[in-house]
Amino acid sequence: MPLTLNLTSEIEQYLSQKAREKGLSLEAYALKLLKDKYLGKINYTYLTPLLPLASCLLPIFTRKLILHDYLLF
């Protein structure tokens, strides 16, 4: 999907410099920034309701259980 951004000259210069440092075009760098900022949050938010359920499924490790074999020797 095409997207047009009207950037100030200062922002365009800043982003262009950062893009050159990374060896990317301005468009590729802007897309990378958006993906890094927002897709990471979007991809993992669906897991948050499952976290309490997952914690119930984990075995309960007590100190005694963990050290049981170690203490036998």
N, C-alpha and C. Protein backbone atom coordinates (compact mmCIF):
# COMPACT_ATOMS: atom_id res chain seq x y z
N MET A 1 0.84 -1.16 0.00
CA MET A 1 0.00 0.00 0.00
C MET A 1 0.90 1.24 0.00
N PRO A 2 0.76 2.08 -0.98
CA PRO A 2 1.56 3.31 -1.00
C PRO A 2 1.14 4.26 0.12
N LEU A 3 2.13 4.93 0.68
CA LEU A 3 1.88 5.90 1.74
C LEU A 3 2.78 7.10 1.49
N THR A 4 2.19 8.26 1.50
CA THR A 4 2.95 9.49 1.28
C THR A 4 3.06 10.25 2.59
N LEU A 5 4.28 10.61 2.95
CA LEU A 5 4.52 11.39 4.16
C LEU A 5 5.09 12.75 3.76
N ASN A 6 4.55 13.80 4.30
CA ASN A 6 5.07 15.15 4.08
C ASN A 6 5.98 15.49 5.25
N LEU A 7 7.27 15.30 5.05
CA LEU A 7 8.26 15.52 6.10
C LEU A 7 8.83 16.92 6.02
N THR A 8 9.19 17.46 7.16
CA THR A 8 9.92 18.73 7.14
C THR A 8 11.31 18.44 6.58
N SER A 9 11.97 19.46 6.11
CA SER A 9 13.31 19.26 5.52
C SER A 9 14.29 18.74 6.58
N GLU A 10 14.12 19.18 7.82
CA GLU A 10 15.01 18.71 8.90
C GLU A 10 14.84 17.22 9.14
N ILE A 11 13.59 16.77 9.19
CA ILE A 11 13.33 15.34 9.42
C ILE A 11 13.83 14.53 8.24
N GLU A 12 13.59 15.02 7.03
CA GLU A 12 14.05 14.30 5.84
C GLU A 12 15.57 14.19 5.83
N GLN A 13 16.26 15.26 6.16
CA GLN A 13 17.73 15.22 6.21
C GLN A 13 18.22 14.25 7.27
N TYR A 14 17.60 14.29 8.43
CA TYR A 14 17.99 13.39 9.52
C TYR A 14 17.79 11.93 9.12
N LEU A 15 16.60 11.61 8.59
CA LEU A 15 16.32 10.24 8.19
C LEU A 15 17.20 9.79 7.03
N SER A 16 17.47 10.69 6.10
CA SER A 16 18.35 10.36 4.98
C SER A 16 19.75 10.03 5.47
N GLN A 17 20.26 10.80 6.42
CA GLN A 17 21.59 10.54 6.98
C GLN A 17 21.61 9.18 7.68
N LYS A 18 20.61 8.90 8.50
CA LYS A 18 20.55 7.61 9.20
C LYS A 18 20.43 6.46 8.20
N ALA A 19 19.66 6.66 7.14
CA ALA A 19 19.50 5.63 6.12
C ALA A 19 20.83 5.35 5.43
N ARG A 20 21.57 6.40 5.09
CA ARG A 20 22.89 6.23 4.46
C ARG A 20 23.83 5.47 5.38
N GLU A 21 23.80 5.79 6.67
CA GLU A 21 24.66 5.09 7.63
C GLU A 21 24.36 3.60 7.68
N LYS A 22 23.10 3.25 7.45
CA LYS A 22 22.70 1.84 7.47
C LYS A 22 22.79 1.20 6.09
N GLY A 23 23.12 2.00 5.07
CA GLY A 23 23.20 1.47 3.71
C GLY A 23 21.84 1.21 3.09
N LEU A 24 20.83 1.97 3.50
CA LEU A 24 19.47 1.78 3.02
C LEU A 24 18.98 3.04 2.31
N SER A 25 17.97 2.85 1.49
CA SER A 25 17.29 4.01 0.92
C SER A 25 16.44 4.65 2.01
N LEU A 26 16.04 5.89 1.77
CA LEU A 26 15.19 6.58 2.74
C LEU A 26 13.89 5.80 2.95
N GLU A 27 13.30 5.31 1.85
CA GLU A 27 12.04 4.56 1.94
C GLU A 27 12.22 3.27 2.74
N ALA A 28 13.31 2.55 2.46
CA ALA A 28 13.55 1.29 3.17
C ALA A 28 13.81 1.54 4.65
N TYR A 29 14.53 2.62 4.96
CA TYR A 29 14.82 2.94 6.36
C TYR A 29 13.55 3.33 7.10
N ALA A 30 12.70 4.14 6.46
CA ALA A 30 11.44 4.54 7.10
C ALA A 30 10.56 3.32 7.35
N LEU A 31 10.51 2.41 6.40
CA LEU A 31 9.72 1.19 6.58
C LEU A 31 10.29 0.34 7.71
N LYS A 32 11.62 0.25 7.79
CA LYS A 32 12.26 -0.51 8.88
C LYS A 32 11.91 0.10 10.24
N LEU A 33 11.95 1.43 10.32
CA LEU A 33 11.60 2.09 11.58
C LEU A 33 10.17 1.76 12.00
N LEU A 34 9.25 1.82 11.05
CA LEU A 34 7.85 1.51 11.36
C LEU A 34 7.68 0.06 11.78
N LYS A 35 8.33 -0.85 11.06
CA LYS A 35 8.23 -2.27 11.42
C LYS A 35 8.80 -2.52 12.81
N ASP A 36 9.99 -1.98 13.06
CA ASP A 36 10.63 -2.20 14.37
C ASP A 36 9.80 -1.63 15.51
N LYS A 37 9.20 -0.48 15.28
CA LYS A 37 8.44 0.19 16.33
C LYS A 37 7.09 -0.46 16.60
N TYR A 38 6.37 -0.82 15.53
CA TYR A 38 4.98 -1.23 15.72
C TYR A 38 4.70 -2.70 15.48
N LEU A 39 5.39 -3.34 14.57
CA LEU A 39 5.07 -4.75 14.31
C LEU A 39 5.50 -5.64 15.46
N GLY A 40 6.56 -5.30 16.16
CA GLY A 40 6.96 -6.08 17.32
C GLY A 40 5.88 -6.11 18.37
N LYS A 41 5.21 -4.99 18.58
CA LYS A 41 4.12 -4.93 19.55
C LYS A 41 2.90 -5.68 19.05
N ILE A 42 2.60 -5.54 17.78
CA ILE A 42 1.41 -6.18 17.21
C ILE A 42 1.55 -7.69 17.22
N ASN A 43 2.72 -8.20 16.87
CA ASN A 43 2.91 -9.64 16.75
C ASN A 43 2.80 -10.37 18.09
N TYR A 44 3.11 -9.72 19.18
CA TYR A 44 3.14 -10.41 20.46
C TYR A 44 1.97 -10.10 21.38
N THR A 45 1.16 -9.12 21.05
CA THR A 45 0.07 -8.77 21.95
C THR A 45 -0.97 -9.87 22.06
N TYR A 46 -1.11 -10.70 21.04
CA TYR A 46 -2.10 -11.76 21.12
C TYR A 46 -1.71 -12.82 22.14
N LEU A 47 -0.47 -12.86 22.56
CA LEU A 47 -0.03 -13.85 23.54
C LEU A 47 -0.32 -13.44 24.98
N THR A 48 -0.54 -12.17 25.24
CA THR A 48 -0.68 -11.73 26.63
C THR A 48 -1.84 -12.37 27.37
N PRO A 49 -3.00 -12.63 26.75
CA PRO A 49 -4.05 -13.32 27.52
C PRO A 49 -3.67 -14.74 27.91
N LEU A 50 -2.72 -15.33 27.19
CA LEU A 50 -2.33 -16.71 27.48
C LEU A 50 -1.30 -16.83 28.59
N LEU A 51 -0.65 -15.75 28.95
CA LEU A 51 0.41 -15.84 29.94
C LEU A 51 -0.06 -16.37 31.30
N PRO A 52 -1.18 -15.91 31.86
CA PRO A 52 -1.62 -16.49 33.13
C PRO A 52 -1.94 -17.98 33.00
N LEU A 53 -2.51 -18.38 31.88
CA LEU A 53 -2.80 -19.80 31.65
C LEU A 53 -1.51 -20.60 31.57
N ALA A 54 -0.53 -20.08 30.85
CA ALA A 54 0.74 -20.78 30.70
C ALA A 54 1.44 -20.94 32.04
N SER A 55 1.34 -19.95 32.90
CA SER A 55 2.00 -20.07 34.20
C SER A 55 1.37 -21.17 35.05
N CYS A 56 0.09 -21.44 34.85
CA CYS A 56 -0.57 -22.52 35.58
C CYS A 56 -0.11 -23.88 35.09
N LEU A 57 0.31 -23.94 33.84
CA LEU A 57 0.72 -25.21 33.26
C LEU A 57 2.16 -25.57 33.58
N LEU A 58 2.94 -24.62 34.06
CA LEU A 58 4.33 -24.91 34.38
C LEU A 58 4.41 -25.76 35.64
N PRO A 59 5.32 -26.70 35.67
CA PRO A 59 5.48 -27.48 36.91
C PRO A 59 5.98 -26.58 38.04
N ILE A 60 5.64 -26.94 39.23
CA ILE A 60 6.06 -26.16 40.39
C ILE A 60 7.40 -26.72 40.87
N PHE A 61 8.43 -25.91 40.76
CA PHE A 61 9.75 -26.33 41.19
C PHE A 61 10.05 -25.67 42.54
N THR A 62 10.16 -26.48 43.54
CA THR A 62 10.54 -25.96 44.85
C THR A 62 12.04 -26.16 45.02
N ARG A 63 12.60 -25.48 45.99
CA ARG A 63 14.03 -25.62 46.26
C ARG A 63 14.36 -27.07 46.61
N LYS A 64 13.49 -27.71 47.38
CA LYS A 64 13.73 -29.10 47.77
C LYS A 64 13.72 -30.01 46.55
N LEU A 65 12.79 -29.80 45.65
CA LEU A 65 12.71 -30.63 44.44
C LEU A 65 13.95 -30.44 43.58
N ILE A 66 14.41 -29.22 43.43
CA ILE A 66 15.57 -28.95 42.59
C ILE A 66 16.83 -29.54 43.20
N LEU A 67 16.99 -29.43 44.51
CA LEU A 67 18.20 -29.90 45.18
C LEU A 67 18.14 -31.36 45.61
N HIS A 68 17.03 -32.04 45.38
CA HIS A 68 16.84 -33.40 45.85
C HIS A 68 17.97 -34.33 45.42
N ASP A 69 18.25 -34.39 44.12
CA ASP A 69 19.31 -35.28 43.63
C ASP A 69 20.68 -34.83 44.13
N TYR A 70 20.89 -33.56 44.21
CA TYR A 70 22.17 -33.03 44.66
C TYR A 70 22.43 -33.39 46.12
N LEU A 71 21.38 -33.32 46.94
CA LEU A 71 21.54 -33.58 48.36
C LEU A 71 21.68 -35.06 48.69
N LEU A 72 21.32 -35.94 47.76
CA LEU A 72 21.44 -37.37 48.00
C LEU A 72 22.88 -37.85 48.02
N PHE A 73 23.76 -37.11 47.39
CA PHE A 73 25.16 -37.55 47.31
C PHE A 73 25.98 -37.02 48.42
